[in-house]
Amino acid sequence: MTAPSASDQTRGRLLDAAREVFSQCGFQGATVREICRRADANVAAVNYHFGSKDGLLAEALNFSALKALQSANIAADRCPEMRMRLFIKSFMLLLLDENGASRQCQMMAREMADPTPALDKIVSEAIAPLHEFLARLISEIIGGDADEAEVRRCVYSLIGQCVFYRNSHPVLQRLRPELRYDRQEIESIAAHIADFTLAALRIKRLA
């Protein structure tokens, strides 16, 4: 396998640094100078590789991990209820794992808290497809002729439970200073959300 060129290595470092800075500071607060400092790159490198700060953001917002999670779930040979459990577990690991939490998910959370024009790209490329995926899965679980508005509210409720643990982390740590999002804790949270959600969907199915 051919080793990456110096140019490719610089490009990779810029993307890693950009995701880190964008997730911490938001698009408006992030500066090209700080990104280049963390990437150990010349300040002209962003224009050379990406054309502009906007171009760098567009490249940094790569939602391949989130898309792969959905594709793997669709392909899984499991009943809808088990696929829901698998999705919630994988999604929560993507959101919360302190050793590898998705920078893209952190960037999404930052943008939703303090929106910039980048939010349009996040909605069209990540959030809308995720909502559509969950709506189909929830409809499978409810069965019958599921009401579209009701399914949509179920999607909102599920996502709300999941992102609560990311967005409220500073508050939760003050309530429970010992809280750590290690794998055991994340899996326990995911199991709770799955139990809660599936219990509600069973009621919808019987209604």
C-alpha atoms as a PDB file:
ATOM      1  CA  MET A   1       0.000   0.000   0.000  1.00  0.00           C
ATOM      2  CA  THR A   2       1.357   3.414  -0.981  1.00  0.00           C
ATOM      3  CA  ALA A   3       2.062   5.718   1.949  1.00  0.00           C
ATOM      4  CA  PRO A   4       0.031   8.959   1.996  1.00  0.00           C
ATOM      5  CA  SER A   5       1.830  11.910   0.482  1.00  0.00           C
ATOM      6  CA  ALA A   6       2.805  14.901   2.622  1.00  0.00           C
ATOM      7  CA  SER A   7      -0.065  16.818   1.014  1.00  0.00           C
ATOM      8  CA  ASP A   8      -2.576  14.089   1.889  1.00  0.00           C
ATOM      9  CA  GLN A   9      -1.270  13.975   5.461  1.00  0.00           C
ATOM     10  CA  THR A  10      -1.698  17.730   5.822  1.00  0.00           C
ATOM     11  CA  ARG A  11      -5.214  17.511   4.411  1.00  0.00           C
ATOM     12  CA  GLY A  12      -6.086  14.768   6.899  1.00  0.00           C
ATOM     13  CA  ARG A  13      -4.709  16.746   9.832  1.00  0.00           C
ATOM     14  CA  LEU A  14      -6.688  19.799   8.763  1.00  0.00           C
ATOM     15  CA  LEU A  15      -9.924  17.791   8.677  1.00  0.00           C
ATOM     16  CA  ASP A  16      -9.273  16.268  12.111  1.00  0.00           C
ATOM     17  CA  ALA A  17      -8.438  19.677  13.576  1.00  0.00           C
ATOM     18  CA  ALA A  18     -11.435  21.322  11.893  1.00  0.00           C
ATOM     19  CA  ARG A  19     -13.874  18.778  13.315  1.00  0.00           C
ATOM     20  CA  GLU A  20     -12.407  19.329  16.758  1.00  0.00           C
ATOM     21  CA  VAL A  21     -12.525  23.143  16.553  1.00  0.00           C
ATOM     22  CA  PHE A  22     -15.963  23.296  14.883  1.00  0.00           C
ATOM     23  CA  SER A  23     -17.421  20.979  17.551  1.00  0.00           C
ATOM     24  CA  GLN A  24     -15.942  23.126  20.333  1.00  0.00           C
ATOM     25  CA  CYS A  25     -16.428  26.630  18.945  1.00  0.00           C
ATOM     26  CA  GLY A  26     -19.112  26.383  16.260  1.00  0.00           C
ATOM     27  CA  PHE A  27     -18.626  27.562  12.694  1.00  0.00           C
ATOM     28  CA  GLN A  28     -18.664  31.268  13.510  1.00  0.00           C
ATOM     29  CA  GLY A  29     -16.291  30.947  16.464  1.00  0.00           C
ATOM     30  CA  ALA A  30     -13.816  28.663  14.699  1.00  0.00           C
ATOM     31  CA  THR A  31     -10.886  30.403  13.050  1.00  0.00           C
ATOM     32  CA  VAL A  32      -8.705  29.179  10.217  1.00  0.00           C
ATOM     33  CA  ARG A  33      -5.667  30.206  12.235  1.00  0.00           C
ATOM     34  CA  GLU A  34      -6.625  27.991  15.190  1.00  0.00           C
ATOM     35  CA  ILE A  35      -7.466  25.046  12.920  1.00  0.00           C
ATOM     36  CA  CYS A  36      -4.103  25.359  11.179  1.00  0.00           C
ATOM     37  CA  ARG A  37      -2.300  25.697  14.519  1.00  0.00           C
ATOM     38  CA  ARG A  38      -3.787  22.421  15.768  1.00  0.00           C
ATOM     39  CA  ALA A  39      -3.068  20.753  12.433  1.00  0.00           C
ATOM     40  CA  ASP A  40       0.520  22.035  12.425  1.00  0.00           C
ATOM     41  CA  ALA A  41      -0.121  23.528   8.992  1.00  0.00           C
ATOM     42  CA  ASN A  42       0.468  26.857   7.256  1.00  0.00           C
ATOM     43  CA  VAL A  43      -2.558  29.192   7.355  1.00  0.00           C
ATOM     44  CA  ALA A  44      -2.649  29.106   3.539  1.00  0.00           C
ATOM     45  CA  ALA A  45      -3.223  25.338   3.628  1.00  0.00           C
ATOM     46  CA  VAL A  46      -6.995  25.654   4.097  1.00  0.00           C
ATOM     47  CA  ASN A  47      -7.405  27.667   0.886  1.00  0.00           C
ATOM     48  CA  TYR A  48      -5.033  25.321  -0.952  1.00  0.00           C
ATOM     49  CA  HIS A  49      -6.847  22.122   0.023  1.00  0.00           C
ATOM     50  CA  PHE A  50     -10.451  23.282   0.458  1.00  0.00           C
ATOM     51  CA  GLY A  51     -10.795  26.693  -1.181  1.00  0.00           C
ATOM     52  CA  SER A  52     -12.155  28.405   1.928  1.00  0.00           C
ATOM     53  CA  LYS A  53     -13.353  27.901   5.479  1.00  0.00           C
ATOM     54  CA  ASP A  54     -16.790  27.054   4.023  1.00  0.00           C
ATOM     55  CA  GLY A  55     -15.203  24.399   1.835  1.00  0.00           C
ATOM     56  CA  LEU A  56     -13.403  22.943   4.827  1.00  0.00           C
ATOM     57  CA  LEU A  57     -16.659  22.769   6.792  1.00  0.00           C
ATOM     58  CA  ALA A  58     -18.417  21.024   3.903  1.00  0.00           C
ATOM     59  CA  GLU A  59     -15.683  18.390   3.791  1.00  0.00           C
ATOM     60  CA  ALA A  60     -15.530  18.033   7.576  1.00  0.00           C
ATOM     61  CA  LEU A  61     -19.268  17.339   7.717  1.00  0.00           C
ATOM     62  CA  ASN A  62     -18.915  13.767   6.518  1.00  0.00           C
ATOM     63  CA  PHE A  63     -21.715  11.667   7.945  1.00  0.00           C
ATOM     64  CA  SER A  64     -20.419   8.295   6.758  1.00  0.00           C
ATOM     65  CA  ALA A  65     -20.514   6.752  10.267  1.00  0.00           C
ATOM     66  CA  LEU A  66     -24.160   7.722  10.767  1.00  0.00           C
ATOM     67  CA  LYS A  67     -25.097   6.502   7.281  1.00  0.00           C
ATOM     68  CA  ALA A  68     -23.235   3.217   7.795  1.00  0.00           C
ATOM     69  CA  LEU A  69     -25.100   2.665  11.060  1.00  0.00           C
ATOM     70  CA  GLN A  70     -28.445   2.985   9.266  1.00  0.00           C
ATOM     71  CA  SER A  71     -27.380   0.760   6.345  1.00  0.00           C
ATOM     72  CA  ALA A  72     -26.165  -1.981   8.697  1.00  0.00           C
ATOM     73  CA  ASN A  73     -29.424  -1.816  10.634  1.00  0.00           C
ATOM     74  CA  ILE A  74     -31.542  -2.138   7.496  1.00  0.00           C
ATOM     75  CA  ALA A  75     -29.469  -5.150   6.402  1.00  0.00           C
ATOM     76  CA  ALA A  76     -29.701  -6.898   9.787  1.00  0.00           C
ATOM     77  CA  ASP A  77     -31.775 -10.090   9.711  1.00  0.00           C
ATOM     78  CA  ARG A  78     -33.716  -9.206  12.858  1.00  0.00           C
ATOM     79  CA  CYS A  79     -37.280  -8.316  13.804  1.00  0.00           C
ATOM     80  CA  PRO A  80     -38.121  -4.586  13.909  1.00  0.00           C
ATOM     81  CA  GLU A  81     -38.059  -4.494  17.722  1.00  0.00           C
ATOM     82  CA  MET A  82     -34.560  -5.970  17.855  1.00  0.00           C
ATOM     83  CA  ARG A  83     -33.406  -3.626  15.096  1.00  0.00           C
ATOM     84  CA  MET A  84     -34.666  -0.725  17.202  1.00  0.00           C
ATOM     85  CA  ARG A  85     -32.591  -1.960  20.143  1.00  0.00           C
ATOM     86  CA  LEU A  86     -29.535  -2.366  17.907  1.00  0.00           C
ATOM     87  CA  PHE A  87     -29.988   1.112  16.447  1.00  0.00           C
ATOM     88  CA  ILE A  88     -30.318   2.820  19.831  1.00  0.00           C
ATOM     89  CA  LYS A  89     -27.229   1.040  21.189  1.00  0.00           C
ATOM     90  CA  SER A  90     -25.113   1.932  18.137  1.00  0.00           C
ATOM     91  CA  PHE A  91     -26.410   5.502  18.026  1.00  0.00           C
ATOM     92  CA  MET A  92     -25.708   6.111  21.703  1.00  0.00           C
ATOM     93  CA  LEU A  93     -22.172   4.761  21.333  1.00  0.00           C
ATOM     94  CA  LEU A  94     -21.698   7.133  18.405  1.00  0.00           C
ATOM     95  CA  LEU A  95     -23.022  10.049  20.467  1.00  0.00           C
ATOM     96  CA  LEU A  96     -21.450   9.399  23.840  1.00  0.00           C
ATOM     97  CA  ASP A  97     -18.358   7.192  23.747  1.00  0.00           C
ATOM     98  CA  GLU A  98     -15.744   9.391  25.407  1.00  0.00           C
ATOM     99  CA  ASN A  99     -12.953   7.479  23.662  1.00  0.00           C
ATOM    100  CA  GLY A 100     -14.365   7.942  20.188  1.00  0.00           C
ATOM    101  CA  ALA A 101     -17.472  10.102  20.169  1.00  0.00           C
ATOM    102  CA  SER A 102     -18.258  11.156  16.635  1.00  0.00           C
ATOM    103  CA  ARG A 103     -16.985  14.676  15.951  1.00  0.00           C
ATOM    104  CA  GLN A 104     -19.751  14.984  13.375  1.00  0.00           C
ATOM    105  CA  CYS A 105     -22.355  14.300  16.065  1.00  0.00           C
ATOM    106  CA  GLN A 106     -20.705  16.879  18.306  1.00  0.00           C
ATOM    107  CA  MET A 107     -20.724  19.387  15.447  1.00  0.00           C
ATOM    108  CA  MET A 108     -24.411  18.673  14.867  1.00  0.00           C
ATOM    109  CA  ALA A 109     -25.181  19.247  18.550  1.00  0.00           C
ATOM    110  CA  ARG A 110     -23.236  22.508  18.502  1.00  0.00           C
ATOM    111  CA  GLU A 111     -25.048  23.739  15.398  1.00  0.00           C
ATOM    112  CA  MET A 112     -28.473  22.919  16.837  1.00  0.00           C
ATOM    113  CA  ALA A 113     -27.625  24.863  19.998  1.00  0.00           C
ATOM    114  CA  ASP A 114     -26.186  27.835  18.074  1.00  0.00           C
ATOM    115  CA  PRO A 115     -27.345  27.613  14.423  1.00  0.00           C
ATOM    116  CA  THR A 116     -25.281  28.940  11.514  1.00  0.00           C
ATOM    117  CA  PRO A 117     -25.773  28.440   7.751  1.00  0.00           C
ATOM    118  CA  ALA A 118     -24.026  25.065   8.206  1.00  0.00           C
ATOM    119  CA  LEU A 119     -27.214  23.750   9.838  1.00  0.00           C
ATOM    120  CA  ASP A 120     -28.921  23.538   6.412  1.00  0.00           C
ATOM    121  CA  LYS A 121     -26.303  21.031   5.249  1.00  0.00           C
ATOM    122  CA  ILE A 122     -26.554  19.056   8.483  1.00  0.00           C
ATOM    123  CA  VAL A 123     -30.351  18.834   8.185  1.00  0.00           C
ATOM    124  CA  SER A 124     -30.387  17.809   4.513  1.00  0.00           C
ATOM    125  CA  GLU A 125     -27.520  15.300   4.675  1.00  0.00           C
ATOM    126  CA  ALA A 126     -27.843  13.816   8.166  1.00  0.00           C
ATOM    127  CA  ILE A 127     -30.937  14.702  10.162  1.00  0.00           C
ATOM    128  CA  ALA A 128     -33.603  14.331   7.462  1.00  0.00           C
ATOM    129  CA  PRO A 129     -32.351  10.881   6.316  1.00  0.00           C
ATOM    130  CA  LEU A 130     -32.133   9.756   9.954  1.00  0.00           C
ATOM    131  CA  HIS A 131     -35.716  10.857  10.599  1.00  0.00           C
ATOM    132  CA  GLU A 132     -36.908   9.019   7.488  1.00  0.00           C
ATOM    133  CA  PHE A 133     -35.077   5.850   8.543  1.00  0.00           C
ATOM    134  CA  LEU A 134     -36.594   5.953  12.034  1.00  0.00           C
ATOM    135  CA  ALA A 135     -40.068   6.703  10.705  1.00  0.00           C
ATOM    136  CA  ARG A 136     -39.938   3.537   8.593  1.00  0.00           C
ATOM    137  CA  LEU A 137     -38.686   1.451  11.507  1.00  0.00           C
ATOM    138  CA  ILE A 138     -41.298   2.823  13.899  1.00  0.00           C
ATOM    139  CA  SER A 139     -44.043   2.212  11.314  1.00  0.00           C
ATOM    140  CA  GLU A 140     -42.901  -1.411  11.058  1.00  0.00           C
ATOM    141  CA  ILE A 141     -43.172  -1.799  14.835  1.00  0.00           C
ATOM    142  CA  ILE A 142     -46.571  -0.122  15.168  1.00  0.00           C
ATOM    143  CA  GLY A 143     -47.906  -1.974  12.123  1.00  0.00           C
ATOM    144  CA  GLY A 144     -51.177  -1.428  10.411  1.00  0.00           C
ATOM    145  CA  ASP A 145     -51.928   1.941   8.866  1.00  0.00           C
ATOM    146  CA  ALA A 146     -49.720   4.071  11.131  1.00  0.00           C
ATOM    147  CA  ASP A 147     -50.719   7.730  11.269  1.00  0.00           C
ATOM    148  CA  GLU A 148     -47.968   9.881   9.727  1.00  0.00           C
ATOM    149  CA  ALA A 149     -48.190  12.648  12.333  1.00  0.00           C
ATOM    150  CA  GLU A 150     -48.125  10.141  15.166  1.00  0.00           C
ATOM    151  CA  VAL A 151     -45.077   8.380  13.710  1.00  0.00           C
ATOM    152  CA  ARG A 152     -43.332  11.744  13.329  1.00  0.00           C
ATOM    153  CA  ARG A 153     -43.943  12.552  17.007  1.00  0.00           C
ATOM    154  CA  CYS A 154     -42.585   9.129  17.975  1.00  0.00           C
ATOM    155  CA  VAL A 155     -39.415   9.899  15.993  1.00  0.00           C
ATOM    156  CA  TYR A 156     -39.040  13.213  17.813  1.00  0.00           C
ATOM    157  CA  SER A 157     -39.545  11.521  21.193  1.00  0.00           C
ATOM    158  CA  LEU A 158     -36.933   8.864  20.464  1.00  0.00           C
ATOM    159  CA  ILE A 159     -34.306  11.291  19.209  1.00  0.00           C
ATOM    160  CA  GLY A 160     -35.072  13.629  22.105  1.00  0.00           C
ATOM    161  CA  GLN A 161     -34.278  10.872  24.603  1.00  0.00           C
ATOM    162  CA  CYS A 162     -31.002  10.063  22.848  1.00  0.00           C
ATOM    163  CA  VAL A 163     -29.607  13.566  22.405  1.00  0.00           C
ATOM    164  CA  PHE A 164     -30.612  14.545  25.947  1.00  0.00           C
ATOM    165  CA  TYR A 165     -27.648  12.604  27.285  1.00  0.00           C
ATOM    166  CA  ARG A 166     -25.249  14.464  24.971  1.00  0.00           C
ATOM    167  CA  ASN A 167     -26.692  17.962  25.278  1.00  0.00           C
ATOM    168  CA  SER A 168     -27.291  17.759  29.040  1.00  0.00           C
ATOM    169  CA  HIS A 169     -23.952  16.180  29.897  1.00  0.00           C
ATOM    170  CA  PRO A 170     -22.611  19.277  31.758  1.00  0.00           C
ATOM    171  CA  VAL A 171     -25.750  19.359  33.945  1.00  0.00           C
ATOM    172  CA  LEU A 172     -25.765  15.595  34.524  1.00  0.00           C
ATOM    173  CA  GLN A 173     -22.129  15.675  35.631  1.00  0.00           C
ATOM    174  CA  ARG A 174     -22.997  18.327  38.211  1.00  0.00           C
ATOM    175  CA  LEU A 175     -25.905  16.224  39.449  1.00  0.00           C
ATOM    176  CA  ARG A 176     -23.735  13.089  39.455  1.00  0.00           C
ATOM    177  CA  PRO A 177     -20.027  14.050  39.588  1.00  0.00           C
ATOM    178  CA  GLU A 178     -19.045  10.401  39.259  1.00  0.00           C
ATOM    179  CA  LEU A 179     -20.836  10.054  35.900  1.00  0.00           C
ATOM    180  CA  ARG A 180     -18.659   8.708  33.100  1.00  0.00           C
ATOM    181  CA  TYR A 181     -19.863   7.667  29.693  1.00  0.00           C
ATOM    182  CA  ASP A 182     -17.949   4.405  29.574  1.00  0.00           C
ATOM    183  CA  ARG A 183     -19.261   1.514  27.513  1.00  0.00           C
ATOM    184  CA  GLN A 184     -21.192  -0.066  30.392  1.00  0.00           C
ATOM    185  CA  GLU A 185     -22.981   3.198  31.205  1.00  0.00           C
ATOM    186  CA  ILE A 186     -23.775   3.871  27.542  1.00  0.00           C
ATOM    187  CA  GLU A 187     -25.205   0.386  27.053  1.00  0.00           C
ATOM    188  CA  SER A 188     -27.333   0.792  30.199  1.00  0.00           C
ATOM    189  CA  ILE A 189     -28.659   4.130  28.917  1.00  0.00           C
ATOM    190  CA  ALA A 190     -29.385   2.585  25.510  1.00  0.00           C
ATOM    191  CA  ALA A 191     -31.247  -0.347  27.082  1.00  0.00           C
ATOM    192  CA  HIS A 192     -33.358   2.061  29.154  1.00  0.00           C
ATOM    193  CA  ILE A 193     -34.256   4.188  26.111  1.00  0.00           C
ATOM    194  CA  ALA A 194     -35.090   1.054  24.108  1.00  0.00           C
ATOM    195  CA  ASP A 195     -37.303  -0.378  26.875  1.00  0.00           C
ATOM    196  CA  PHE A 196     -39.086   2.961  27.289  1.00  0.00           C
ATOM    197  CA  THR A 197     -39.595   3.474  23.550  1.00  0.00           C
ATOM    198  CA  LEU A 198     -40.733  -0.053  22.737  1.00  0.00           C
ATOM    199  CA  ALA A 199     -43.201  -0.065  25.628  1.00  0.00           C
ATOM    200  CA  ALA A 200     -44.786   3.109  24.231  1.00  0.00           C
ATOM    201  CA  LEU A 201     -44.849   1.709  20.677  1.00  0.00           C
ATOM    202  CA  ARG A 202     -46.569  -1.480  21.866  1.00  0.00           C
ATOM    203  CA  ILE A 203     -49.343   0.691  23.315  1.00  0.00           C
ATOM    204  CA  LYS A 204     -49.617   2.495  19.965  1.00  0.00           C
ATOM    205  CA  ARG A 205     -49.848  -0.865  18.208  1.00  0.00           C
ATOM    206  CA  LEU A 206     -52.714  -1.997  20.446  1.00  0.00           C
ATOM    207  CA  ALA A 207     -54.609   1.293  20.238  1.00  0.00           C
END
